[in-house]
Amino acid sequence: MTRTIYMKSVKNTIGALLVLLAVTACNNEESNIQTEIKIPVSVAIIKPQSISRFIETTGTVYSSKEGAIKSELTGLYRLQTNPATGRPFALGDAVRQGQVIIRLEDKEFENNLQLDGKKLSLEVSENNLNKQKSLFEKGGVTQTELNQASIDYVNSKYAYENAEIQKAKMFVKAPFTGVIVSIPYHTDGVRIDQGQELFKVMEYEHLLMDVKLPEKHLPEVTLNQLVQITNYNLATDTIIGKISQISPVIDTETRTFQSVLQINNDKKLLRPGMFIKAAILSEQRDSTIVIPKETIISRQDGKVVFTVENGIATEKKITTGLENQDVIEVLSGLKLNDRLVVTGFETLRNKSKVSVIQ
C-alpha cells in the first residue's frame, strides 16, 4: 500500500516537471519571436537646406497701363490693316506705340487747316527774320523792326504747328505698346462723331495687384521685396513680382495696410482680371536643418521625431523655427547626417528595433 502511494507521488512530480518544462519552452520560443520582430521604416539623411517663410494673400491683377481712345474729331471711319496679320486690326492684336489703328477722313476739315499755306508763311517769316537780324547788326533796321519780324515768325510757327496737331488727330494711334482689348464695331466709311470710343488698349508685360495685409506684417514688408505669384489655372508656373508701393497708414476699421505688387508678366501667362495667389518672401534661412512637417509627432510635452542608428529607433525631442506649408526648420534635437524616419514612425516606441527599407 505504501509502495503504491509512493509511486503515484513520483509520477505526479514527474508530470508537473514535464508541464513546467513545456510551458517554459513555449515562453522562451514566444520571447524569441518577439525579440526578432523589426518594424519596417524608411529614412532620409539630414542635409543642410534652405527654408523660406511667406506672407500669403490673394487678389485680382490689373494692367499697369490702360487707355480707352476716343475720337477727337468727326470724320469717316477707316479701320487700318494690321501689317502683322494682313487683316484689319482686331481684338487681341499686339500694337506698338504710335501705330495708326484708325484713320478719320474729312476733306473739308483738312482744307480749312490750310496746312500748306501756313508752312509757306512760316518759311517766308523765317527768311525775313534772318534778313532783319543781318540788317540790324549793320544798323540798317531798328530794334522795333527786328522785334516785329520776330513776332511774325513766332505767330507763323504756332499757326503751322497747331494745324499739324489738328491734322494728326485724324490718325488715331496706339498711345503705348500693348494689346487691343476692346474695339467697337463701326461700318467702314460711316461718319464718326467726336467723343466716340474707338478702341481700348492694355499693356500686359507688367501687371499690378492691390493687396491689404494685416497690421502685424508691416515691419516685415519692404519695397522691392520679392513675391511669388501663382494662378489656379497655372499651378505649375511661378511668376516673380515685387512690392512697388507700401502705404504707411493703417486702416482703423480693418487693421490692414495697402501695398501694391508689380508683376513681371513678360511670358504673358497672366491676364488682367485674373484671380491669383501671392506669396511675399518675409524671411529666409540657408544651410539649416529642414524636415517634412508630417514626420513630427506632437505630444503634450513637445514635438518628437525618430532617428535610426544600428537598427534601433531613438525618439528625439525637437524645437522648431521657420515653417511653410510642407517643411519646418529644426533648431535643436537633430544634427546633420542623422537618419530621420520618414515613413513607419506611427507605431514606433523609443528603442524599437527597425528594419530600414528603400
Foldseek 3Di string as FASTA:
>chain_A
DVVVVVVVVVVVVVVVVVVVVVVVVVVVVVVVVVVPDFFEFAWDFWFWFKDFAWDKDKFFKAFPDKDFDFQQAKAFKDADADPVVRGGDDAFDWFAAFAFGIFGDDPVLLVVLVLVVLVVQLVVLVVVLVVVVVCVVVVNDDPVVNVVSVVSNVVSVVSNVVSVVVNVSRGDGDNHTFGWHFADDDDGGDIDHGGGTGTMGGHQQKMKTKDWAALVCVVQADWQFKKWKDAPVGRVDTWIKTWHDWDPDADPPPNITMTMIITGCNVSPDDGGGMIMMITGRDMDTRFTKDWPVQWDADPVAIWFWFDDPQWIAIWGFDWDDDDDTMTTTPDGDDGRTITGDPRRPPDDGGGGHDHDD
